[in-house]
C-alpha atoms as a PDB file:
ATOM      1  CA  MET A   1      -4.735  25.265  91.190  1.00  0.00           C
ATOM      2  CA  GLU A   2      -8.341  26.243  90.936  1.00  0.00           C
ATOM      3  CA  LEU A   3     -10.629  24.077  93.021  1.00  0.00           C
ATOM      4  CA  LEU A   4     -12.786  22.773  90.182  1.00  0.00           C
ATOM      5  CA  GLU A   5      -9.726  22.070  88.040  1.00  0.00           C
ATOM      6  CA  GLY A   6      -8.224  20.031  90.886  1.00  0.00           C
ATOM      7  CA  ILE A   7     -11.422  18.080  91.421  1.00  0.00           C
ATOM      8  CA  LEU A   8     -11.665  17.201  87.730  1.00  0.00           C
ATOM      9  CA  ALA A   9      -7.941  16.408  87.382  1.00  0.00           C
ATOM     10  CA  ARG A  10      -7.519  14.166  90.442  1.00  0.00           C
ATOM     11  CA  ARG A  11      -6.798  10.503  89.733  1.00  0.00           C
ATOM     12  CA  SER A  12      -5.830   7.592  91.934  1.00  0.00           C
ATOM     13  CA  CYS A  13      -2.116   6.867  91.917  1.00  0.00           C
ATOM     14  CA  LYS A  14      -0.894   3.271  92.044  1.00  0.00           C
ATOM     15  CA  SER A  15       2.867   3.742  91.814  1.00  0.00           C
ATOM     16  CA  TYR A  16       4.923   5.797  94.279  1.00  0.00           C
ATOM     17  CA  PHE A  17       8.524   6.648  94.958  1.00  0.00           C
ATOM     18  CA  PRO A  18       9.282   5.284  98.442  1.00  0.00           C
ATOM     19  CA  ASP A  19      11.053   8.517  99.450  1.00  0.00           C
ATOM     20  CA  PRO A  20       9.585  10.379 102.435  1.00  0.00           C
ATOM     21  CA  ILE A  21       7.512  13.444 101.695  1.00  0.00           C
ATOM     22  CA  PRO A  22       7.909  16.665 103.675  1.00  0.00           C
ATOM     23  CA  GLU A  23       6.112  16.559 107.005  1.00  0.00           C
ATOM     24  CA  LYS A  24       4.583  19.973 106.292  1.00  0.00           C
ATOM     25  CA  ASP A  25       2.878  18.485 103.212  1.00  0.00           C
ATOM     26  CA  VAL A  26       1.496  15.596 105.269  1.00  0.00           C
ATOM     27  CA  GLU A  27       0.256  18.104 107.845  1.00  0.00           C
ATOM     28  CA  THR A  28      -1.444  20.148 105.108  1.00  0.00           C
ATOM     29  CA  VAL A  29      -3.212  17.062 103.744  1.00  0.00           C
ATOM     30  CA  VAL A  30      -4.328  16.070 107.246  1.00  0.00           C
ATOM     31  CA  ARG A  31      -5.514  19.610 107.998  1.00  0.00           C
ATOM     32  CA  ALA A  32      -7.628  19.543 104.824  1.00  0.00           C
ATOM     33  CA  GLY A  33      -9.135  16.258 105.979  1.00  0.00           C
ATOM     34  CA  LEU A  34     -10.009  17.660 109.374  1.00  0.00           C
ATOM     35  CA  ALA A  35     -11.722  20.613 107.676  1.00  0.00           C
ATOM     36  CA  ALA A  36     -14.319  18.282 106.102  1.00  0.00           C
ATOM     37  CA  ALA A  37     -17.972  18.780 106.911  1.00  0.00           C
ATOM     38  CA  SER A  38     -19.389  16.543 109.623  1.00  0.00           C
ATOM     39  CA  GLY A  39     -22.887  15.725 110.758  1.00  0.00           C
ATOM     40  CA  ARG A  40     -23.994  17.989 113.609  1.00  0.00           C
ATOM     41  CA  ASN A  41     -20.350  19.223 113.613  1.00  0.00           C
ATOM     42  CA  LEU A  42     -19.437  16.284 115.867  1.00  0.00           C
ATOM     43  CA  GLN A  43     -16.110  15.842 114.064  1.00  0.00           C
ATOM     44  CA  ALA A  44     -16.065  12.118 114.845  1.00  0.00           C
ATOM     45  CA  PRO A  45     -13.372  10.971 112.367  1.00  0.00           C
ATOM     46  CA  VAL A  46      -9.775  10.555 113.492  1.00  0.00           C
ATOM     47  CA  ILE A  47      -6.688  10.131 111.330  1.00  0.00           C
ATOM     48  CA  LEU A  48      -3.720   7.883 112.052  1.00  0.00           C
ATOM     49  CA  VAL A  49      -0.596   9.104 110.265  1.00  0.00           C
ATOM     50  CA  LEU A  50       1.613   6.081 109.619  1.00  0.00           C
ATOM     51  CA  THR A  51       5.077   7.208 108.546  1.00  0.00           C
ATOM     52  CA  ASP A  52       7.352   5.000 110.638  1.00  0.00           C
ATOM     53  CA  PRO A  53       8.515   2.410 108.057  1.00  0.00           C
ATOM     54  CA  LYS A  54       8.194  -0.482 110.522  1.00  0.00           C
ATOM     55  CA  VAL A  55       4.597   0.401 111.474  1.00  0.00           C
ATOM     56  CA  ARG A  56       3.697   1.332 107.894  1.00  0.00           C
ATOM     57  CA  ASN A  57       4.993  -2.008 106.588  1.00  0.00           C
ATOM     58  CA  ALA A  58       3.294  -4.022 109.330  1.00  0.00           C
ATOM     59  CA  TYR A  59      -0.002  -2.266 108.584  1.00  0.00           C
ATOM     60  CA  SER A  60       0.469  -2.899 104.864  1.00  0.00           C
ATOM     61  CA  ALA A  61       1.024  -6.614 105.559  1.00  0.00           C
ATOM     62  CA  LEU A  62      -2.128  -6.650 107.698  1.00  0.00           C
ATOM     63  CA  ASN A  63      -4.130  -4.951 104.946  1.00  0.00           C
ATOM     64  CA  SER A  64      -2.764  -7.455 102.424  1.00  0.00           C
ATOM     65  CA  ARG A  65      -4.325 -10.305 104.408  1.00  0.00           C
ATOM     66  CA  TYR A  66      -7.765  -8.885 103.622  1.00  0.00           C
ATOM     67  CA  ASP A  67      -6.929  -7.915 100.017  1.00  0.00           C
ATOM     68  CA  PHE A  68      -8.650 -10.194  97.488  1.00  0.00           C
ATOM     69  CA  ALA A  69      -5.598  -9.820  95.210  1.00  0.00           C
ATOM     70  CA  HIS A  70      -3.170 -10.491  98.106  1.00  0.00           C
ATOM     71  CA  ARG A  71      -0.760  -7.836  96.845  1.00  0.00           C
ATOM     72  CA  PRO A  72       2.454  -7.788  98.891  1.00  0.00           C
ATOM     73  CA  ASP A  73       1.989  -4.039  99.359  1.00  0.00           C
ATOM     74  CA  PRO A  74      -1.580  -2.871  98.751  1.00  0.00           C
ATOM     75  CA  PHE A  75      -0.349   0.702  99.338  1.00  0.00           C
ATOM     76  CA  TYR A  76       1.835   0.645  96.196  1.00  0.00           C
ATOM     77  CA  SER A  77       5.031   1.639  98.085  1.00  0.00           C
ATOM     78  CA  ALA A  78       3.574   4.975  99.221  1.00  0.00           C
ATOM     79  CA  PRO A  79       5.684   6.162 102.168  1.00  0.00           C
ATOM     80  CA  VAL A  80       2.699   7.534 104.099  1.00  0.00           C
ATOM     81  CA  ILE A  81      -0.552   5.833 105.003  1.00  0.00           C
ATOM     82  CA  LEU A  82      -3.359   7.929 106.455  1.00  0.00           C
ATOM     83  CA  ALA A  83      -5.867   5.633 108.142  1.00  0.00           C
ATOM     84  CA  VAL A  84      -9.257   7.235 108.806  1.00  0.00           C
ATOM     85  CA  LEU A  85     -11.508   5.883 111.516  1.00  0.00           C
ATOM     86  CA  THR A  86     -14.649   7.121 113.161  1.00  0.00           C
ATOM     87  CA  ASP A  87     -16.264   6.962 116.541  1.00  0.00           C
ATOM     88  CA  LYS A  88     -18.736   4.056 116.332  1.00  0.00           C
ATOM     89  CA  SER A  89     -21.306   5.901 118.443  1.00  0.00           C
ATOM     90  CA  VAL A  90     -21.792   8.685 115.871  1.00  0.00           C
ATOM     91  CA  SER A  91     -24.486   7.802 113.321  1.00  0.00           C
ATOM     92  CA  THR A  92     -22.965   9.959 110.565  1.00  0.00           C
ATOM     93  CA  GLY A  93     -19.387   8.880 111.284  1.00  0.00           C
ATOM     94  CA  VAL A  94     -18.778   6.708 108.214  1.00  0.00           C
ATOM     95  CA  TYR A  95     -20.132   9.424 105.918  1.00  0.00           C
ATOM     96  CA  ASP A  96     -18.098  12.087 107.698  1.00  0.00           C
ATOM     97  CA  ALA A  97     -14.921   9.981 107.445  1.00  0.00           C
ATOM     98  CA  SER A  98     -15.546   9.535 103.716  1.00  0.00           C
ATOM     99  CA  LEU A  99     -15.556  13.324 103.352  1.00  0.00           C
ATOM    100  CA  VAL A 100     -12.267  13.463 105.281  1.00  0.00           C
ATOM    101  CA  LEU A 101     -10.728  11.044 102.772  1.00  0.00           C
ATOM    102  CA  GLY A 102     -12.100  13.019  99.827  1.00  0.00           C
ATOM    103  CA  ASN A 103     -10.714  16.300 101.158  1.00  0.00           C
ATOM    104  CA  MET A 104      -7.313  14.703 101.707  1.00  0.00           C
ATOM    105  CA  MET A 105      -7.214  13.365  98.137  1.00  0.00           C
ATOM    106  CA  LEU A 106      -7.971  16.836  96.792  1.00  0.00           C
ATOM    107  CA  ALA A 107      -5.327  18.420  99.029  1.00  0.00           C
ATOM    108  CA  ALA A 108      -2.771  15.878  97.798  1.00  0.00           C
ATOM    109  CA  GLU A 109      -3.646  16.809  94.207  1.00  0.00           C
ATOM    110  CA  ALA A 110      -3.203  20.505  94.983  1.00  0.00           C
ATOM    111  CA  LEU A 111       0.258  19.790  96.451  1.00  0.00           C
ATOM    112  CA  GLY A 112       1.328  17.723  93.447  1.00  0.00           C
ATOM    113  CA  LEU A 113       1.256  14.474  95.426  1.00  0.00           C
ATOM    114  CA  GLY A 114      -0.281  11.167  94.459  1.00  0.00           C
ATOM    115  CA  SER A 115      -2.962   9.505  96.550  1.00  0.00           C
ATOM    116  CA  CYS A 116      -5.221   6.483  96.437  1.00  0.00           C
ATOM    117  CA  TRP A 117      -8.081   5.419  98.691  1.00  0.00           C
ATOM    118  CA  ILE A 118      -7.377   1.878  99.863  1.00  0.00           C
ATOM    119  CA  HIS A 119     -10.167  -0.088 101.490  1.00  0.00           C
ATOM    120  CA  ARG A 120     -10.103  -2.716 104.243  1.00  0.00           C
ATOM    121  CA  ALA A 121      -9.552  -0.305 107.157  1.00  0.00           C
ATOM    122  CA  LYS A 122     -12.632  -1.783 108.856  1.00  0.00           C
ATOM    123  CA  GLU A 123     -11.215  -5.302 108.692  1.00  0.00           C
ATOM    124  CA  CYS A 124      -7.738  -4.164 109.702  1.00  0.00           C
ATOM    125  CA  PHE A 125      -8.875  -2.394 112.842  1.00  0.00           C
ATOM    126  CA  GLU A 126     -11.141  -5.279 113.848  1.00  0.00           C
ATOM    127  CA  ASP A 127      -8.053  -7.523 113.732  1.00  0.00           C
ATOM    128  CA  GLU A 128      -5.955  -7.867 116.912  1.00  0.00           C
ATOM    129  CA  GLU A 129      -2.894  -6.392 115.148  1.00  0.00           C
ATOM    130  CA  GLY A 130      -4.924  -3.341 114.131  1.00  0.00           C
ATOM    131  CA  LYS A 131      -6.253  -2.986 117.667  1.00  0.00           C
ATOM    132  CA  LYS A 132      -2.643  -2.886 118.909  1.00  0.00           C
ATOM    133  CA  ILE A 133      -1.965   0.037 116.554  1.00  0.00           C
ATOM    134  CA  LEU A 134      -5.016   1.863 117.937  1.00  0.00           C
ATOM    135  CA  ARG A 135      -3.898   1.258 121.510  1.00  0.00           C
ATOM    136  CA  ARG A 136      -0.427   2.571 120.611  1.00  0.00           C
ATOM    137  CA  ALA A 137      -2.116   5.764 119.373  1.00  0.00           C
ATOM    138  CA  GLY A 138      -4.062   6.022 122.652  1.00  0.00           C
ATOM    139  CA  LEU A 139      -7.410   5.073 121.092  1.00  0.00           C
ATOM    140  CA  ASP A 140      -9.917   2.580 122.459  1.00  0.00           C
ATOM    141  CA  PRO A 141     -10.196  -0.110 119.746  1.00  0.00           C
ATOM    142  CA  ASP A 142     -13.771  -0.875 120.764  1.00  0.00           C
ATOM    143  CA  ALA A 143     -14.825   2.753 120.224  1.00  0.00           C
ATOM    144  CA  TYR A 144     -13.541   3.210 116.655  1.00  0.00           C
ATOM    145  CA  GLU A 145     -14.316   1.724 113.253  1.00  0.00           C
ATOM    146  CA  GLY A 146     -11.927   1.879 110.313  1.00  0.00           C
ATOM    147  CA  VAL A 147     -13.406   3.580 107.235  1.00  0.00           C
ATOM    148  CA  GLY A 148     -10.604   3.935 104.703  1.00  0.00           C
ATOM    149  CA  ASN A 149      -6.895   4.390 104.126  1.00  0.00           C
ATOM    150  CA  LEU A 150      -5.117   6.895 101.963  1.00  0.00           C
ATOM    151  CA  ALA A 151      -1.820   6.007 100.311  1.00  0.00           C
ATOM    152  CA  LEU A 152       0.144   9.235  99.979  1.00  0.00           C
ATOM    153  CA  GLY A 153       3.422  10.039  98.289  1.00  0.00           C
ATOM    154  CA  LYS A 154       5.226  11.324  95.229  1.00  0.00           C
ATOM    155  CA  ALA A 155       3.771   9.620  92.160  1.00  0.00           C
ATOM    156  CA  LYS A 156       6.183   7.562  90.035  1.00  0.00           C
ATOM    157  CA  ILE A 157       3.711   7.607  87.183  1.00  0.00           C
ATOM    158  CA  GLN A 158       1.314  10.501  86.754  1.00  0.00           C
ATOM    159  CA  PRO A 159      -2.151   9.067  86.142  1.00  0.00           C
ATOM    160  CA  GLU A 160      -3.474  10.181  82.770  1.00  0.00           C
ATOM    161  CA  GLY A 161      -6.891  11.655  82.038  1.00  0.00           C
ATOM    162  CA  ALA A 162     -10.091  10.276  83.394  1.00  0.00           C
ATOM    163  CA  LEU A 163     -11.814   7.294  81.940  1.00  0.00           C
ATOM    164  CA  PRO A 164     -15.148   8.263  80.421  1.00  0.00           C
ATOM    165  CA  ARG A 165     -17.801   8.731  83.067  1.00  0.00           C
ATOM    166  CA  ARG A 166     -20.683   6.275  82.889  1.00  0.00           C
ATOM    167  CA  GLU A 167     -23.860   7.788  81.466  1.00  0.00           C
ATOM    168  CA  GLY A 168     -27.283   7.626  83.103  1.00  0.00           C
ATOM    169  CA  ARG A 169     -26.261   8.556  86.640  1.00  0.00           C
ATOM    170  CA  VAL A 170     -27.993  11.931  86.903  1.00  0.00           C
ATOM    171  CA  PHE A 171     -31.752  12.248  87.223  1.00  0.00           C
ATOM    172  CA  TRP A 172     -33.319  15.690  87.125  1.00  0.00           C
ATOM    173  CA  ILE A 173     -36.609  16.307  88.839  1.00  0.00           C
ATOM    174  CA  LYS A 174     -37.950  19.697  87.778  1.00  0.00           C
END
């Protein structure tokens, strides 16, 4: 898939088959995330790959607590959740982590996988249950801030074309 075609075709997926996806595909998506640009090349973002169904479901329940819609599974049954956090001491960390998420969404598109950025990572990893997950991964919960989550899996329903883009968002200064 050509890069520009993939960028223009990518859509958020909100319905997944619960079947596991090949680990090599998850690794490819993660590798694309880690290749994202970062301020001063500090590479502050980290990625938690949640594939264990017990941990994935517990994290989904935690995220649901902070979801205004209180969906039972805010990750739409995706079998993989990629949680992106950043080192709190790095001033560009949140921006850098956002690029990580963007790269991973594009990589998922290139692999024919569905993905959707799910918010509330900040709230989840400020919660004691989220801090336990960070400790389990060997991370200091006081040193990291959650930025976003990526639901990843095989799409049940292929999202159709883009909604029209809102006008008046580009301002040329010549």
